[in-house]
Amino acid sequence: MAQYQTLLVNKDNGVTTITLNRPEKRNAMSPQLHREMYDVLTDLRYDNETRVIVITGAGESFCAGQDLKQYFLEMDSQPERVRDEVREKSRQWRNEMIRKLPQPVIAKINGWVFGGGFTIVSGCDIAIAADDVRFGLSEVNFGHFPGGEVTIVLTEHLQPKHGLYYALTGQTMTAKEAERIGLITKAVPRADLEKEVQELANCLMEKSPHALKAVKEAWYYTFYSNPEVAYEISNLISDRTKLEQGGRPGLQQFVKKEYRPGLGAFKWEEKKE
């Protein structure tokens, strides 16, 4: 895989970890980071060796949002075509590409999350945070508001009374509070974060990749579609998944008592052979 200026990419036994690597800027997002995230996610979409993707941050922060100084410094000097390209890639990788990846994507939240960092957390399928992490929407403290994609994801993922409280006050929230209001999946002791994410990745790698892809597609299409369209799409996904797996191996295993949910791996590869 290519070398990147703002990312570290590590592949290990089916798990690819992407580390936002601008610790001196608290991993704030620059135009280069947006380009590189777009490129690496494009590559991983077609990487059959990657079964699970983990996104985390280098140093003491997960992501401090947009690096506004660097962003506007670079963007103001570029022609309109380049500015449009960066804006589109910035939007796509956080709000479309992660969801459309066939692999499950886990946010391993190791440090502070501010502003635009919320879009990465909400874009991932599962988000696990160390219990001492703080989340904040500080824009109102500087006479602004959570702009760009931030307000969009807040209204999608949080109840109005929760999202508006933090957007209006600019106060930070704890990881436990983020778990309670549904921003993240789980808060765990910092010492357990690595183990928790690894165990989750191992659990996901036991499943059929076709089934995981289908779960994601059905979930997000249902979320963003009206019920009638979602129902039709779900049927299409079901038919395609059965074809990909040569029938209904999971149901056959269940009926024959060869597989008990939660107690063993789905042996899809062995059954296909």
C-alpha atoms as a PDB file:
ATOM      1  CA  MET A   1       0.000   0.000   0.000  1.00  0.00           C
ATOM      2  CA  ALA A   2       1.153   3.544  -0.756  1.00  0.00           C
ATOM      3  CA  GLN A   3       2.916   5.740   1.780  1.00  0.00           C
ATOM      4  CA  TYR A   4       0.944   8.684   3.129  1.00  0.00           C
ATOM      5  CA  GLN A   5       1.915  12.036   4.607  1.00  0.00           C
ATOM      6  CA  THR A   6      -0.934  12.303   7.118  1.00  0.00           C
ATOM      7  CA  LEU A   7      -1.872   8.664   7.758  1.00  0.00           C
ATOM      8  CA  LEU A   8      -0.365   5.461   9.036  1.00  0.00           C
ATOM      9  CA  VAL A   9      -1.849   2.294   7.537  1.00  0.00           C
ATOM     10  CA  ASN A  10      -1.133  -1.073   9.115  1.00  0.00           C
ATOM     11  CA  LYS A  11      -2.436  -4.473   8.006  1.00  0.00           C
ATOM     12  CA  ASP A  12      -2.422  -7.319  10.504  1.00  0.00           C
ATOM     13  CA  ASN A  13      -4.232 -10.639  10.066  1.00  0.00           C
ATOM     14  CA  GLY A  14      -7.289  -9.252   8.324  1.00  0.00           C
ATOM     15  CA  VAL A  15      -7.509  -6.011  10.317  1.00  0.00           C
ATOM     16  CA  THR A  16      -6.393  -2.782   8.653  1.00  0.00           C
ATOM     17  CA  THR A  17      -5.802   0.098  11.059  1.00  0.00           C
ATOM     18  CA  ILE A  18      -5.797   3.653   9.720  1.00  0.00           C
ATOM     19  CA  THR A  19      -4.201   6.138  12.113  1.00  0.00           C
ATOM     20  CA  LEU A  20      -4.738   9.861  11.615  1.00  0.00           C
ATOM     21  CA  ASN A  21      -1.120  10.950  11.954  1.00  0.00           C
ATOM     22  CA  ARG A  22      -0.954  14.677  12.674  1.00  0.00           C
ATOM     23  CA  PRO A  23      -0.417  14.522  16.452  1.00  0.00           C
ATOM     24  CA  GLU A  24       1.160  17.976  16.552  1.00  0.00           C
ATOM     25  CA  LYS A  25      -2.191  19.310  15.274  1.00  0.00           C
ATOM     26  CA  ARG A  26      -4.288  16.920  17.395  1.00  0.00           C
ATOM     27  CA  ASN A  27      -5.008  15.065  14.138  1.00  0.00           C
ATOM     28  CA  ALA A  28      -7.006  17.972  12.751  1.00  0.00           C
ATOM     29  CA  MET A  29      -8.058  17.349   9.157  1.00  0.00           C
ATOM     30  CA  SER A  30      -6.140  19.089   6.369  1.00  0.00           C
ATOM     31  CA  PRO A  31      -6.806  18.998   2.605  1.00  0.00           C
ATOM     32  CA  GLN A  32      -4.012  16.424   2.268  1.00  0.00           C
ATOM     33  CA  LEU A  33      -5.590  14.216   4.929  1.00  0.00           C
ATOM     34  CA  HIS A  34      -8.928  14.345   3.107  1.00  0.00           C
ATOM     35  CA  ARG A  35      -7.267  13.328  -0.161  1.00  0.00           C
ATOM     36  CA  GLU A  36      -5.388  10.492   1.491  1.00  0.00           C
ATOM     37  CA  MET A  37      -8.405   9.147   3.382  1.00  0.00           C
ATOM     38  CA  TYR A  38     -10.359   9.151   0.135  1.00  0.00           C
ATOM     39  CA  ASP A  39      -7.568   7.215  -1.591  1.00  0.00           C
ATOM     40  CA  VAL A  40      -6.983   4.641   1.150  1.00  0.00           C
ATOM     41  CA  LEU A  41     -10.694   3.903   1.572  1.00  0.00           C
ATOM     42  CA  THR A  42     -11.029   3.499  -2.194  1.00  0.00           C
ATOM     43  CA  ASP A  43      -8.223   0.925  -2.123  1.00  0.00           C
ATOM     44  CA  LEU A  44      -9.637  -0.934   0.887  1.00  0.00           C
ATOM     45  CA  ARG A  45     -13.044  -1.284  -0.725  1.00  0.00           C
ATOM     46  CA  TYR A  46     -11.518  -3.789  -3.146  1.00  0.00           C
ATOM     47  CA  ASP A  47      -9.057  -5.388  -0.719  1.00  0.00           C
ATOM     48  CA  ASN A  48     -10.315  -8.904  -0.009  1.00  0.00           C
ATOM     49  CA  GLU A  49      -7.620  -9.452   2.619  1.00  0.00           C
ATOM     50  CA  THR A  50      -9.035  -6.683   4.806  1.00  0.00           C
ATOM     51  CA  ARG A  51     -11.966  -8.027   6.804  1.00  0.00           C
ATOM     52  CA  VAL A  52     -12.246  -5.235   9.405  1.00  0.00           C
ATOM     53  CA  ILE A  53     -11.112  -1.596   9.366  1.00  0.00           C
ATOM     54  CA  VAL A  54     -10.159   0.393  12.470  1.00  0.00           C
ATOM     55  CA  ILE A  55      -9.759   4.186  12.473  1.00  0.00           C
ATOM     56  CA  THR A  56      -7.875   5.848  15.325  1.00  0.00           C
ATOM     57  CA  GLY A  57      -5.649   8.831  16.074  1.00  0.00           C
ATOM     58  CA  ALA A  58      -1.960   9.267  16.856  1.00  0.00           C
ATOM     59  CA  GLY A  59      -0.935  10.760  20.174  1.00  0.00           C
ATOM     60  CA  GLU A  60      -3.403  12.122  22.709  1.00  0.00           C
ATOM     61  CA  SER A  61      -6.253  13.020  20.340  1.00  0.00           C
ATOM     62  CA  PHE A  62      -8.589  11.197  17.998  1.00  0.00           C
ATOM     63  CA  CYS A  63      -9.438  14.228  15.847  1.00  0.00           C
ATOM     64  CA  ALA A  64      -9.764  17.933  16.654  1.00  0.00           C
ATOM     65  CA  GLY A  65     -11.925  18.680  13.608  1.00  0.00           C
ATOM     66  CA  GLN A  66     -10.795  20.708  10.616  1.00  0.00           C
ATOM     67  CA  ASP A  67      -7.380  22.352  10.660  1.00  0.00           C
ATOM     68  CA  LEU A  68      -8.964  25.654   9.674  1.00  0.00           C
ATOM     69  CA  LYS A  69      -5.705  27.582   9.321  1.00  0.00           C
ATOM     70  CA  GLN A  70      -4.125  24.970   7.062  1.00  0.00           C
ATOM     71  CA  TYR A  71      -7.377  24.289   5.245  1.00  0.00           C
ATOM     72  CA  PHE A  72      -8.009  27.867   4.173  1.00  0.00           C
ATOM     73  CA  LEU A  73      -4.314  28.595   3.604  1.00  0.00           C
ATOM     74  CA  GLU A  74      -4.161  25.783   1.077  1.00  0.00           C
ATOM     75  CA  MET A  75      -7.613  26.217  -0.403  1.00  0.00           C
ATOM     76  CA  ASP A  76      -7.384  29.960  -1.020  1.00  0.00           C
ATOM     77  CA  SER A  77      -4.338  29.472  -3.225  1.00  0.00           C
ATOM     78  CA  GLN A  78      -5.916  26.752  -5.366  1.00  0.00           C
ATOM     79  CA  PRO A  79      -8.052  27.044  -8.507  1.00  0.00           C
ATOM     80  CA  GLU A  80     -11.762  26.417  -8.142  1.00  0.00           C
ATOM     81  CA  ARG A  81     -11.508  22.928  -9.625  1.00  0.00           C
ATOM     82  CA  VAL A  82      -9.078  21.840  -6.903  1.00  0.00           C
ATOM     83  CA  ARG A  83     -11.175  23.438  -4.158  1.00  0.00           C
ATOM     84  CA  ASP A  84     -14.247  21.586  -5.389  1.00  0.00           C
ATOM     85  CA  GLU A  85     -12.311  18.314  -5.497  1.00  0.00           C
ATOM     86  CA  VAL A  86     -11.103  18.652  -1.898  1.00  0.00           C
ATOM     87  CA  ARG A  87     -14.541  19.632  -0.611  1.00  0.00           C
ATOM     88  CA  GLU A  88     -16.142  16.671  -2.356  1.00  0.00           C
ATOM     89  CA  LYS A  89     -13.549  14.180  -1.121  1.00  0.00           C
ATOM     90  CA  SER A  90     -13.834  15.618   2.390  1.00  0.00           C
ATOM     91  CA  ARG A  91     -17.568  15.020   2.341  1.00  0.00           C
ATOM     92  CA  GLN A  92     -17.512  11.646   0.634  1.00  0.00           C
ATOM     93  CA  TRP A  93     -15.006   9.763   2.759  1.00  0.00           C
ATOM     94  CA  ARG A  94     -16.679  10.701   6.036  1.00  0.00           C
ATOM     95  CA  ASN A  95     -20.349  10.533   5.074  1.00  0.00           C
ATOM     96  CA  GLU A  96     -20.549   8.044   2.211  1.00  0.00           C
ATOM     97  CA  MET A  97     -17.468   5.931   1.676  1.00  0.00           C
ATOM     98  CA  ILE A  98     -17.200   4.483   5.194  1.00  0.00           C
ATOM     99  CA  ARG A  99     -20.833   3.420   5.109  1.00  0.00           C
ATOM    100  CA  LYS A 100     -20.511   1.884   1.645  1.00  0.00           C
ATOM    101  CA  LEU A 101     -17.415  -0.141   2.474  1.00  0.00           C
ATOM    102  CA  PRO A 102     -18.198  -3.873   2.594  1.00  0.00           C
ATOM    103  CA  GLN A 103     -16.063  -4.225   5.734  1.00  0.00           C
ATOM    104  CA  PRO A 104     -17.216  -3.144   9.203  1.00  0.00           C
ATOM    105  CA  VAL A 105     -15.428   0.035  10.328  1.00  0.00           C
ATOM    106  CA  ILE A 106     -14.615   0.604  14.008  1.00  0.00           C
ATOM    107  CA  ALA A 107     -13.676   3.979  15.473  1.00  0.00           C
ATOM    108  CA  LYS A 108     -11.097   3.396  18.222  1.00  0.00           C
ATOM    109  CA  ILE A 109     -11.381   6.700  20.062  1.00  0.00           C
ATOM    110  CA  ASN A 110      -8.209   7.235  22.020  1.00  0.00           C
ATOM    111  CA  GLY A 111      -8.412  10.964  22.744  1.00  0.00           C
ATOM    112  CA  TRP A 112     -10.188  14.277  22.279  1.00  0.00           C
ATOM    113  CA  VAL A 113     -12.898  14.630  19.627  1.00  0.00           C
ATOM    114  CA  PHE A 114     -13.976  18.114  18.559  1.00  0.00           C
ATOM    115  CA  GLY A 115     -16.084  19.616  15.790  1.00  0.00           C
ATOM    116  CA  GLY A 116     -15.552  17.813  12.510  1.00  0.00           C
ATOM    117  CA  GLY A 117     -14.157  14.831  14.402  1.00  0.00           C
ATOM    118  CA  PHE A 118     -17.789  13.998  15.209  1.00  0.00           C
ATOM    119  CA  THR A 119     -18.323  13.205  11.523  1.00  0.00           C
ATOM    120  CA  ILE A 120     -15.699  10.450  11.631  1.00  0.00           C
ATOM    121  CA  VAL A 121     -17.150   8.957  14.810  1.00  0.00           C
ATOM    122  CA  SER A 122     -20.679   8.966  13.429  1.00  0.00           C
ATOM    123  CA  GLY A 123     -19.552   7.707  10.027  1.00  0.00           C
ATOM    124  CA  CYS A 124     -18.031   4.541  11.488  1.00  0.00           C
ATOM    125  CA  ASP A 125     -20.276   1.536  12.041  1.00  0.00           C
ATOM    126  CA  ILE A 126     -19.139   1.010  15.637  1.00  0.00           C
ATOM    127  CA  ALA A 127     -17.383   3.464  17.970  1.00  0.00           C
ATOM    128  CA  ILE A 128     -15.464   2.415  21.096  1.00  0.00           C
ATOM    129  CA  ALA A 129     -13.916   5.123  23.287  1.00  0.00           C
ATOM    130  CA  ALA A 130     -11.600   5.213  26.274  1.00  0.00           C
ATOM    131  CA  ASP A 131     -13.616   6.361  29.274  1.00  0.00           C
ATOM    132  CA  ASP A 132     -11.455   9.449  29.865  1.00  0.00           C
ATOM    133  CA  VAL A 133     -12.071  10.857  26.376  1.00  0.00           C
ATOM    134  CA  ARG A 134     -13.913  14.171  26.024  1.00  0.00           C
ATOM    135  CA  PHE A 135     -16.134  15.240  23.131  1.00  0.00           C
ATOM    136  CA  GLY A 136     -16.894  18.857  22.323  1.00  0.00           C
ATOM    137  CA  LEU A 137     -18.747  21.164  19.947  1.00  0.00           C
ATOM    138  CA  SER A 138     -16.893  24.356  20.787  1.00  0.00           C
ATOM    139  CA  GLU A 139     -17.837  26.390  17.695  1.00  0.00           C
ATOM    140  CA  VAL A 140     -20.421  28.523  19.513  1.00  0.00           C
ATOM    141  CA  ASN A 141     -17.693  29.679  21.919  1.00  0.00           C
ATOM    142  CA  PHE A 142     -16.007  31.390  18.966  1.00  0.00           C
ATOM    143  CA  GLY A 143     -19.116  33.017  17.538  1.00  0.00           C
ATOM    144  CA  HIS A 144     -19.866  30.270  15.035  1.00  0.00           C
ATOM    145  CA  PHE A 145     -21.831  26.997  14.827  1.00  0.00           C
ATOM    146  CA  PRO A 146     -21.102  23.347  13.937  1.00  0.00           C
ATOM    147  CA  GLY A 147     -20.979  23.881  10.190  1.00  0.00           C
ATOM    148  CA  GLY A 148     -20.217  21.751   7.176  1.00  0.00           C
ATOM    149  CA  GLU A 149     -21.226  18.152   7.725  1.00  0.00           C
ATOM    150  CA  VAL A 150     -21.296  18.359  11.526  1.00  0.00           C
ATOM    151  CA  THR A 151     -24.862  19.576  12.015  1.00  0.00           C
ATOM    152  CA  ILE A 152     -26.053  17.011   9.476  1.00  0.00           C
ATOM    153  CA  VAL A 153     -24.595  14.086  11.401  1.00  0.00           C
ATOM    154  CA  LEU A 154     -25.751  15.513  14.732  1.00  0.00           C
ATOM    155  CA  THR A 155     -29.360  15.640  13.577  1.00  0.00           C
ATOM    156  CA  GLU A 156     -29.068  12.101  12.163  1.00  0.00           C
ATOM    157  CA  HIS A 157     -27.571  10.496  15.253  1.00  0.00           C
ATOM    158  CA  LEU A 158     -28.745  12.470  18.287  1.00  0.00           C
ATOM    159  CA  GLN A 159     -32.060  13.445  19.787  1.00  0.00           C
ATOM    160  CA  PRO A 160     -32.663  17.216  19.422  1.00  0.00           C
ATOM    161  CA  LYS A 161     -32.512  17.916  23.153  1.00  0.00           C
ATOM    162  CA  HIS A 162     -29.121  16.194  23.384  1.00  0.00           C
ATOM    163  CA  GLY A 163     -27.523  17.592  20.242  1.00  0.00           C
ATOM    164  CA  LEU A 164     -28.810  21.121  20.750  1.00  0.00           C
ATOM    165  CA  TYR A 165     -27.661  21.204  24.359  1.00  0.00           C
ATOM    166  CA  TYR A 166     -24.029  20.627  23.438  1.00  0.00           C
ATOM    167  CA  ALA A 167     -24.134  22.706  20.244  1.00  0.00           C
ATOM    168  CA  LEU A 168     -25.700  25.679  22.093  1.00  0.00           C
ATOM    169  CA  THR A 169     -23.569  25.567  25.239  1.00  0.00           C
ATOM    170  CA  GLY A 170     -20.226  24.546  23.752  1.00  0.00           C
ATOM    171  CA  GLN A 171     -19.693  22.310  26.768  1.00  0.00           C
ATOM    172  CA  THR A 172     -17.760  19.058  26.525  1.00  0.00           C
ATOM    173  CA  MET A 173     -19.209  15.644  27.245  1.00  0.00           C
ATOM    174  CA  THR A 174     -17.595  12.579  28.750  1.00  0.00           C
ATOM    175  CA  ALA A 175     -17.299   9.272  26.947  1.00  0.00           C
ATOM    176  CA  LYS A 176     -19.911   7.819  29.294  1.00  0.00           C
ATOM    177  CA  GLU A 177     -22.301  10.612  28.367  1.00  0.00           C
ATOM    178  CA  ALA A 178     -21.532  10.081  24.678  1.00  0.00           C
ATOM    179  CA  GLU A 179     -22.449   6.432  25.154  1.00  0.00           C
ATOM    180  CA  ARG A 180     -25.657   7.309  26.995  1.00  0.00           C
ATOM    181  CA  ILE A 181     -26.950   9.626  24.262  1.00  0.00           C
ATOM    182  CA  GLY A 182     -25.975   7.286  21.435  1.00  0.00           C
ATOM    183  CA  LEU A 183     -23.006   9.107  19.916  1.00  0.00           C
ATOM    184  CA  ILE A 184     -20.725   6.113  20.527  1.00  0.00           C
ATOM    185  CA  THR A 185     -21.280   2.402  21.050  1.00  0.00           C
ATOM    186  CA  LYS A 186     -19.365   1.914  24.264  1.00  0.00           C
ATOM    187  CA  ALA A 187     -16.953   3.579  26.706  1.00  0.00           C
ATOM    188  CA  VAL A 188     -14.341   1.308  28.274  1.00  0.00           C
ATOM    189  CA  PRO A 189     -11.434   1.838  30.677  1.00  0.00           C
ATOM    190  CA  ARG A 190      -8.443   3.214  28.797  1.00  0.00           C
ATOM    191  CA  ALA A 191      -6.344   0.203  29.743  1.00  0.00           C
ATOM    192  CA  ASP A 192      -8.929  -2.043  28.047  1.00  0.00           C
ATOM    193  CA  LEU A 193      -9.404  -0.058  24.823  1.00  0.00           C
ATOM    194  CA  GLU A 194      -6.925  -1.999  22.698  1.00  0.00           C
ATOM    195  CA  LYS A 195      -8.185  -5.367  23.944  1.00  0.00           C
ATOM    196  CA  GLU A 196     -11.840  -4.384  23.481  1.00  0.00           C
ATOM    197  CA  VAL A 197     -11.334  -3.327  19.877  1.00  0.00           C
ATOM    198  CA  GLN A 198      -9.231  -6.387  19.052  1.00  0.00           C
ATOM    199  CA  GLU A 199     -11.825  -8.752  20.509  1.00  0.00           C
ATOM    200  CA  LEU A 200     -14.541  -6.977  18.546  1.00  0.00           C
ATOM    201  CA  ALA A 201     -12.506  -7.242  15.342  1.00  0.00           C
ATOM    202  CA  ASN A 202     -11.946 -10.961  15.988  1.00  0.00           C
ATOM    203  CA  CYS A 203     -15.675 -11.444  16.510  1.00  0.00           C
ATOM    204  CA  LEU A 204     -16.477  -9.703  13.224  1.00  0.00           C
ATOM    205  CA  MET A 205     -13.887 -11.720  11.314  1.00  0.00           C
ATOM    206  CA  GLU A 206     -15.717 -14.902  12.319  1.00  0.00           C
ATOM    207  CA  LYS A 207     -18.725 -13.804  10.289  1.00  0.00           C
ATOM    208  CA  SER A 208     -19.358 -14.207   6.589  1.00  0.00           C
ATOM    209  CA  PRO A 209     -18.048 -11.103   4.771  1.00  0.00           C
ATOM    210  CA  HIS A 210     -21.055 -11.339   2.457  1.00  0.00           C
ATOM    211  CA  ALA A 211     -23.387 -11.225   5.448  1.00  0.00           C
ATOM    212  CA  LEU A 212     -21.542  -8.277   7.005  1.00  0.00           C
ATOM    213  CA  LYS A 213     -21.763  -6.380   3.743  1.00  0.00           C
ATOM    214  CA  ALA A 214     -25.482  -7.150   3.554  1.00  0.00           C
ATOM    215  CA  VAL A 215     -26.064  -5.992   7.139  1.00  0.00           C
ATOM    216  CA  LYS A 216     -24.441  -2.633   6.417  1.00  0.00           C
ATOM    217  CA  GLU A 217     -26.261  -2.121   3.140  1.00  0.00           C
ATOM    218  CA  ALA A 218     -29.658  -3.051   4.549  1.00  0.00           C
ATOM    219  CA  TRP A 219     -29.150  -0.883   7.626  1.00  0.00           C
ATOM    220  CA  TYR A 220     -28.062   2.288   5.848  1.00  0.00           C
ATOM    221  CA  TYR A 221     -30.461   1.978   2.916  1.00  0.00           C
ATOM    222  CA  THR A 222     -33.305   1.518   5.398  1.00  0.00           C
ATOM    223  CA  PHE A 223     -32.157   4.485   7.457  1.00  0.00           C
ATOM    224  CA  TYR A 224     -32.046   6.825   4.455  1.00  0.00           C
ATOM    225  CA  SER A 225     -35.055   5.505   2.504  1.00  0.00           C
ATOM    226  CA  ASN A 226     -38.809   5.429   2.942  1.00  0.00           C
ATOM    227  CA  PRO A 227     -40.216   2.079   4.162  1.00  0.00           C
ATOM    228  CA  GLU A 228     -41.466   0.896   0.769  1.00  0.00           C
ATOM    229  CA  VAL A 229     -38.139   1.499  -0.970  1.00  0.00           C
ATOM    230  CA  ALA A 230     -36.214   0.046   1.976  1.00  0.00           C
ATOM    231  CA  TYR A 231     -38.296  -3.143   1.832  1.00  0.00           C
ATOM    232  CA  GLU A 232     -37.615  -3.650  -1.874  1.00  0.00           C
ATOM    233  CA  ILE A 233     -33.902  -2.967  -1.426  1.00  0.00           C
ATOM    234  CA  SER A 234     -33.758  -5.419   1.481  1.00  0.00           C
ATOM    235  CA  ASN A 235     -35.234  -8.157  -0.709  1.00  0.00           C
ATOM    236  CA  LEU A 236     -32.691  -7.457  -3.449  1.00  0.00           C
ATOM    237  CA  ILE A 237     -29.828  -7.572  -0.948  1.00  0.00           C
ATOM    238  CA  SER A 238     -31.162 -10.855   0.437  1.00  0.00           C
ATOM    239  CA  ASP A 239     -31.343 -12.458  -3.004  1.00  0.00           C
ATOM    240  CA  ARG A 240     -27.840 -11.291  -3.909  1.00  0.00           C
ATOM    241  CA  THR A 241     -26.380 -12.523  -0.611  1.00  0.00           C
ATOM    242  CA  LYS A 242     -27.871 -15.986  -1.099  1.00  0.00           C
ATOM    243  CA  LEU A 243     -26.355 -16.165  -4.579  1.00  0.00           C
ATOM    244  CA  GLU A 244     -22.955 -15.030  -3.310  1.00  0.00           C
ATOM    245  CA  GLN A 245     -22.943 -17.777  -0.696  1.00  0.00           C
ATOM    246  CA  GLY A 246     -24.312 -20.554  -2.880  1.00  0.00           C
ATOM    247  CA  GLY A 247     -27.714 -20.710  -1.242  1.00  0.00           C
ATOM    248  CA  ARG A 248     -28.518 -20.345   2.444  1.00  0.00           C
ATOM    249  CA  PRO A 249     -25.542 -21.916   4.255  1.00  0.00           C
ATOM    250  CA  GLY A 250     -26.123 -19.992   7.471  1.00  0.00           C
ATOM    251  CA  LEU A 251     -29.749 -21.091   7.787  1.00  0.00           C
ATOM    252  CA  GLN A 252     -28.811 -24.661   6.912  1.00  0.00           C
ATOM    253  CA  GLN A 253     -26.163 -24.695   9.630  1.00  0.00           C
ATOM    254  CA  PHE A 254     -28.647 -23.304  12.132  1.00  0.00           C
ATOM    255  CA  VAL A 255     -31.310 -25.924  11.295  1.00  0.00           C
ATOM    256  CA  LYS A 256     -28.739 -28.740  11.495  1.00  0.00           C
ATOM    257  CA  LYS A 257     -27.489 -27.387  14.843  1.00  0.00           C
ATOM    258  CA  GLU A 258     -24.027 -26.938  13.341  1.00  0.00           C
ATOM    259  CA  TYR A 259     -23.978 -23.273  14.302  1.00  0.00           C
ATOM    260  CA  ARG A 260     -25.279 -21.545  17.406  1.00  0.00           C
ATOM    261  CA  PRO A 261     -25.323 -17.742  17.262  1.00  0.00           C
ATOM    262  CA  GLY A 262     -22.773 -16.225  19.594  1.00  0.00           C
ATOM    263  CA  LEU A 263     -21.022 -19.521  20.304  1.00  0.00           C
ATOM    264  CA  GLY A 264     -19.082 -20.248  17.159  1.00  0.00           C
ATOM    265  CA  ALA A 265     -17.800 -18.962  13.848  1.00  0.00           C
ATOM    266  CA  PHE A 266     -19.920 -18.976  10.712  1.00  0.00           C
ATOM    267  CA  LYS A 267     -17.971 -21.479   8.619  1.00  0.00           C
ATOM    268  CA  TRP A 268     -19.008 -20.002   5.294  1.00  0.00           C
ATOM    269  CA  GLU A 269     -15.738 -20.755   3.492  1.00  0.00           C
ATOM    270  CA  GLU A 270     -15.627 -24.412   4.531  1.00  0.00           C
ATOM    271  CA  LYS A 271     -19.258 -24.944   3.520  1.00  0.00           C
ATOM    272  CA  LYS A 272     -18.657 -23.409   0.104  1.00  0.00           C
ATOM    273  CA  GLU A 273     -15.812 -25.841  -0.479  1.00  0.00           C
END
